[in-house]
C-alpha atoms as a PDB file:
ATOM      1  CA  MET A   1      12.162 -46.580  -4.281  1.00  0.00           C
ATOM      2  CA  LYS A   2      13.830 -46.378  -0.857  1.00  0.00           C
ATOM      3  CA  ARG A   3      16.587 -44.254  -2.365  1.00  0.00           C
ATOM      4  CA  ILE A   4      14.072 -41.776  -3.815  1.00  0.00           C
ATOM      5  CA  LEU A   5      12.275 -41.524  -0.461  1.00  0.00           C
ATOM      6  CA  SER A   6      15.614 -40.941   1.275  1.00  0.00           C
ATOM      7  CA  ILE A   7      16.526 -38.166  -1.155  1.00  0.00           C
ATOM      8  CA  ILE A   8      13.116 -36.537  -0.759  1.00  0.00           C
ATOM      9  CA  THR A   9      13.380 -36.754   3.037  1.00  0.00           C
ATOM     10  CA  VAL A  10      16.859 -35.190   3.086  1.00  0.00           C
ATOM     11  CA  PHE A  11      15.767 -32.470   0.667  1.00  0.00           C
ATOM     12  CA  THR A  12      12.685 -31.721   2.796  1.00  0.00           C
ATOM     13  CA  LEU A  13      14.768 -31.486   5.960  1.00  0.00           C
ATOM     14  CA  LEU A  14      17.205 -29.115   4.273  1.00  0.00           C
ATOM     15  CA  LEU A  15      14.431 -26.823   3.110  1.00  0.00           C
ATOM     16  CA  THR A  16      12.597 -26.726   6.436  1.00  0.00           C
ATOM     17  CA  SER A  17      15.739 -26.043   8.442  1.00  0.00           C
ATOM     18  CA  CYS A  18      16.663 -22.861   6.536  1.00  0.00           C
ATOM     19  CA  GLU A  19      16.068 -19.510   8.191  1.00  0.00           C
ATOM     20  CA  GLY A  20      15.620 -16.087   6.658  1.00  0.00           C
ATOM     21  CA  GLU A  21      16.532 -12.691   8.059  1.00  0.00           C
ATOM     22  CA  ASP A  22      13.866 -11.054  10.202  1.00  0.00           C
ATOM     23  CA  GLY A  23      11.245 -13.067   8.410  1.00  0.00           C
ATOM     24  CA  LEU A  24       8.010 -14.777   9.131  1.00  0.00           C
ATOM     25  CA  ASP A  25       8.285 -18.560   9.210  1.00  0.00           C
ATOM     26  CA  GLY A  26      11.767 -18.347   7.706  1.00  0.00           C
ATOM     27  CA  ALA A  27      10.727 -16.121   4.802  1.00  0.00           C
ATOM     28  CA  ILE A  28      12.544 -12.881   4.100  1.00  0.00           C
ATOM     29  CA  ILE A  29      10.155  -9.977   4.287  1.00  0.00           C
ATOM     30  CA  ALA A  30      10.993  -6.754   2.519  1.00  0.00           C
ATOM     31  CA  SER A  31       8.767  -3.746   2.123  1.00  0.00           C
ATOM     32  CA  SER A  32       9.152  -0.127   1.147  1.00  0.00           C
ATOM     33  CA  ALA A  33       7.047   2.898   1.962  1.00  0.00           C
ATOM     34  CA  PHE A  34       6.726   6.630   1.406  1.00  0.00           C
ATOM     35  CA  GLU A  35       4.355   9.520   2.053  1.00  0.00           C
ATOM     36  CA  ILE A  36       3.260  11.988  -0.583  1.00  0.00           C
ATOM     37  CA  GLU A  37       1.083  15.098  -0.552  1.00  0.00           C
ATOM     38  CA  LEU A  38      -0.568  16.100  -3.793  1.00  0.00           C
ATOM     39  CA  ASP A  39      -3.240  18.201  -5.424  1.00  0.00           C
ATOM     40  CA  PHE A  40      -6.030  16.907  -7.641  1.00  0.00           C
ATOM     41  CA  THR A  41      -6.856  19.599 -10.184  1.00  0.00           C
ATOM     42  CA  PHE A  42      -8.464  20.009 -13.581  1.00  0.00           C
ATOM     43  CA  ALA A  43      -4.956  20.700 -14.977  1.00  0.00           C
ATOM     44  CA  ASN A  44      -3.716  17.233 -13.956  1.00  0.00           C
ATOM     45  CA  ASN A  45      -7.030  15.537 -14.832  1.00  0.00           C
ATOM     46  CA  TYR A  46      -7.563  14.857 -11.105  1.00  0.00           C
ATOM     47  CA  GLU A  47      -4.781  12.273 -11.067  1.00  0.00           C
ATOM     48  CA  PHE A  48      -1.099  11.999 -10.245  1.00  0.00           C
ATOM     49  CA  VAL A  49       1.497   9.350 -11.133  1.00  0.00           C
ATOM     50  CA  GLU A  50       4.489   8.789  -8.854  1.00  0.00           C
ATOM     51  CA  PRO A  51       7.425   6.488  -9.703  1.00  0.00           C
ATOM     52  CA  TYR A  52       8.440   4.315  -6.744  1.00  0.00           C
ATOM     53  CA  GLY A  53      12.136   5.129  -6.749  1.00  0.00           C
ATOM     54  CA  PHE A  54      12.930   1.636  -5.479  1.00  0.00           C
ATOM     55  CA  GLU A  55      12.696  -1.899  -6.831  1.00  0.00           C
ATOM     56  CA  VAL A  56       9.249  -3.456  -6.931  1.00  0.00           C
ATOM     57  CA  LEU A  57       8.965  -7.129  -7.763  1.00  0.00           C
ATOM     58  CA  PRO A  58       6.255  -8.487 -10.073  1.00  0.00           C
ATOM     59  CA  THR A  59       4.689 -10.304  -7.102  1.00  0.00           C
ATOM     60  CA  ASP A  60       4.621  -7.233  -4.827  1.00  0.00           C
ATOM     61  CA  VAL A  61       1.389  -5.453  -3.969  1.00  0.00           C
ATOM     62  CA  THR A  62       0.981  -1.721  -3.486  1.00  0.00           C
ATOM     63  CA  LEU A  63      -1.326  -0.479  -0.737  1.00  0.00           C
ATOM     64  CA  VAL A  64      -2.323   3.168  -0.415  1.00  0.00           C
ATOM     65  CA  TYR A  65      -3.735   4.943   2.633  1.00  0.00           C
ATOM     66  CA  VAL A  66      -5.261   8.425   2.675  1.00  0.00           C
ATOM     67  CA  LEU A  67      -5.031  10.798   5.637  1.00  0.00           C
ATOM     68  CA  TRP A  68      -8.732  10.905   6.411  1.00  0.00           C
ATOM     69  CA  GLU A  69      -8.805  13.135   9.477  1.00  0.00           C
ATOM     70  CA  THR A  70      -6.951  14.089  12.636  1.00  0.00           C
ATOM     71  CA  LEU A  71      -8.602  13.264  15.975  1.00  0.00           C
ATOM     72  CA  ASN A  72      -7.125  14.527  19.240  1.00  0.00           C
ATOM     73  CA  GLY A  73      -3.825  15.148  17.479  1.00  0.00           C
ATOM     74  CA  GLN A  74      -3.707  11.632  16.009  1.00  0.00           C
ATOM     75  CA  ASP A  75      -3.709  11.081  12.244  1.00  0.00           C
ATOM     76  CA  VAL A  76      -6.377   8.681  11.001  1.00  0.00           C
ATOM     77  CA  TRP A  77      -5.312   6.782   7.870  1.00  0.00           C
ATOM     78  CA  ARG A  78      -7.789   4.802   5.781  1.00  0.00           C
ATOM     79  CA  LEU A  79      -7.057   2.170   3.181  1.00  0.00           C
ATOM     80  CA  VAL A  80      -7.939   3.413  -0.306  1.00  0.00           C
ATOM     81  CA  PRO A  81     -10.410   3.340  -2.015  1.00  0.00           C
ATOM     82  CA  GLN A  82     -12.484   5.649   0.189  1.00  0.00           C
ATOM     83  CA  THR A  83     -15.749   7.266  -0.878  1.00  0.00           C
ATOM     84  CA  VAL A  84     -17.477  10.489   0.157  1.00  0.00           C
ATOM     85  CA  GLN A  85     -21.185  10.978  -0.638  1.00  0.00           C
ATOM     86  CA  PHE A  86     -22.525  14.355  -1.790  1.00  0.00           C
ATOM     87  CA  ASP A  87     -26.020  15.486  -2.795  1.00  0.00           C
ATOM     88  CA  ASP A  88     -25.022  15.421  -6.490  1.00  0.00           C
ATOM     89  CA  GLY A  89     -23.044  12.158  -6.433  1.00  0.00           C
ATOM     90  CA  ASP A  90     -19.981  10.616  -4.908  1.00  0.00           C
ATOM     91  CA  LEU A  91     -16.223  11.087  -4.826  1.00  0.00           C
ATOM     92  CA  THR A  92     -13.821   8.163  -4.492  1.00  0.00           C
ATOM     93  CA  TYR A  93     -10.135   8.450  -3.735  1.00  0.00           C
ATOM     94  CA  ASN A  94      -8.608   5.582  -5.663  1.00  0.00           C
ATOM     95  CA  TYR A  95      -5.347   4.240  -7.064  1.00  0.00           C
ATOM     96  CA  ASP A  96      -3.802   1.670  -9.329  1.00  0.00           C
ATOM     97  CA  PHE A  97      -0.237   0.510  -9.690  1.00  0.00           C
ATOM     98  CA  THR A  98       2.319  -1.087 -11.954  1.00  0.00           C
ATOM     99  CA  GLN A  99       5.758  -2.428 -11.227  1.00  0.00           C
ATOM    100  CA  THR A 100       7.231   1.046 -11.831  1.00  0.00           C
ATOM    101  CA  ASP A 101       4.719   3.539 -10.401  1.00  0.00           C
ATOM    102  CA  VAL A 102       1.507   4.212  -8.517  1.00  0.00           C
ATOM    103  CA  ARG A 103      -1.313   6.387  -9.869  1.00  0.00           C
ATOM    104  CA  PHE A 104      -3.593   8.299  -7.500  1.00  0.00           C
ATOM    105  CA  PHE A 105      -6.879   9.538  -8.932  1.00  0.00           C
ATOM    106  CA  LEU A 106     -10.337  10.825  -8.135  1.00  0.00           C
ATOM    107  CA  ASP A 107     -13.264   8.775  -9.333  1.00  0.00           C
ATOM    108  CA  GLY A 108     -16.985   9.216  -8.938  1.00  0.00           C
ATOM    109  CA  SER A 109     -20.095  10.901 -10.222  1.00  0.00           C
ATOM    110  CA  THR A 110     -19.821  14.324  -8.568  1.00  0.00           C
ATOM    111  CA  ASP A 111     -18.455  17.329 -10.471  1.00  0.00           C
ATOM    112  CA  PHE A 112     -14.848  17.519  -9.224  1.00  0.00           C
ATOM    113  CA  SER A 113     -14.521  21.163 -10.274  1.00  0.00           C
ATOM    114  CA  THR A 114     -17.170  22.197  -7.725  1.00  0.00           C
ATOM    115  CA  LEU A 115     -15.565  20.402  -4.775  1.00  0.00           C
ATOM    116  CA  ASP A 116     -14.227  22.372  -1.847  1.00  0.00           C
ATOM    117  CA  ASP A 117     -10.407  22.566  -1.873  1.00  0.00           C
ATOM    118  CA  SER A 118     -10.303  20.420   1.272  1.00  0.00           C
ATOM    119  CA  TYR A 119     -11.234  17.429  -0.927  1.00  0.00           C
ATOM    120  CA  THR A 120      -8.741  18.088  -3.713  1.00  0.00           C
ATOM    121  CA  LEU A 121      -5.712  20.038  -2.461  1.00  0.00           C
ATOM    122  CA  ASN A 122      -2.928  18.962  -0.087  1.00  0.00           C
ATOM    123  CA  GLN A 123      -4.138  15.374   0.072  1.00  0.00           C
ATOM    124  CA  ALA A 124      -1.705  13.155   2.012  1.00  0.00           C
ATOM    125  CA  PHE A 125      -1.199   9.510   1.083  1.00  0.00           C
ATOM    126  CA  ARG A 126       1.022   6.771   2.439  1.00  0.00           C
ATOM    127  CA  VAL A 127       2.175   4.103   0.019  1.00  0.00           C
ATOM    128  CA  VAL A 128       3.341   0.689   1.218  1.00  0.00           C
ATOM    129  CA  VAL A 129       4.699  -1.965  -1.148  1.00  0.00           C
ATOM    130  CA  VAL A 130       4.645  -5.459   0.350  1.00  0.00           C
ATOM    131  CA  PRO A 131       5.193  -9.049  -0.793  1.00  0.00           C
ATOM    132  CA  ALA A 132       1.887 -10.606  -1.802  1.00  0.00           C
ATOM    133  CA  ASP A 133       2.736 -13.880  -0.045  1.00  0.00           C
ATOM    134  CA  ASN A 134       2.060 -12.445   3.411  1.00  0.00           C
ATOM    135  CA  LEU A 135      -1.058 -10.355   2.792  1.00  0.00           C
ATOM    136  CA  GLY A 136      -3.441 -12.733   4.530  1.00  0.00           C
ATOM    137  CA  ARG A 137      -1.408 -12.574   7.741  1.00  0.00           C
ATOM    138  CA  VAL A 138      -2.063  -8.969   8.712  1.00  0.00           C
ATOM    139  CA  ASP A 139      -4.994  -6.536   8.921  1.00  0.00           C
ATOM    140  CA  LEU A 140      -4.500  -4.362   5.837  1.00  0.00           C
ATOM    141  CA  SER A 141      -7.057  -1.758   6.918  1.00  0.00           C
ATOM    142  CA  ASN A 142      -4.871  -0.687   9.854  1.00  0.00           C
ATOM    143  CA  ILE A 143      -1.664   1.037   8.722  1.00  0.00           C
ATOM    144  CA  GLU A 144      -0.144   0.816  12.217  1.00  0.00           C
ATOM    145  CA  THR A 145      -0.592  -2.962  12.312  1.00  0.00           C
ATOM    146  CA  LEU A 146       0.784  -3.289   8.784  1.00  0.00           C
ATOM    147  CA  SER A 147       3.768  -1.061   9.593  1.00  0.00           C
ATOM    148  CA  SER A 148       4.548  -3.034  12.723  1.00  0.00           C
ATOM    149  CA  PHE A 149       4.261  -6.362  10.904  1.00  0.00           C
ATOM    150  CA  TYR A 150       6.678  -5.278   8.166  1.00  0.00           C
ATOM    151  CA  GLY A 151       8.978  -3.253  10.432  1.00  0.00           C
ATOM    152  CA  ILE A 152       8.222   0.057   8.718  1.00  0.00           C
ATOM    153  CA  THR A 153       9.282   2.863  11.036  1.00  0.00           C
ATOM    154  CA  ASP A 154       9.463   5.764   8.595  1.00  0.00           C
ATOM    155  CA  PHE A 155       7.464   7.119   5.674  1.00  0.00           C
ATOM    156  CA  PRO A 156       9.917   9.372   3.805  1.00  0.00           C
ATOM    157  CA  LYS A 157       8.115  12.404   2.377  1.00  0.00           C
ATOM    158  CA  ARG A 158       8.196  13.074  -1.339  1.00  0.00           C
END
């Protein structure tokens, strides 16, 4: 019994003394990001699918932010989904993802074909893929906080 406890103690010490690169609590943190501008039209069924172009692990989570407005020259990004209310219903910018791509789409009860172009054309999104293990450690609604936490300094345009 003493031998088993000794082995467990040594094993525990070995595991807790390891350090990762630029990680949080010794864990290696890797994330990828990009920015994309797209149009939602009847021709594309008000949706668009974009392959990542980089490796995404099964345990990774994709977060999408929409450029909501610009105030005093500063871009305001909001975590998707985001909803706009109209007299005839609502419009929701939404997304889903797989391990190979992310799909952006419009959802809601309003007639998309009657929307002003400002709601459907030239819509800018930022996509961030992060390890699920660390999601509870950062405010996901704030893209600046998330970017700082994961060391994201650039959103390459697609």
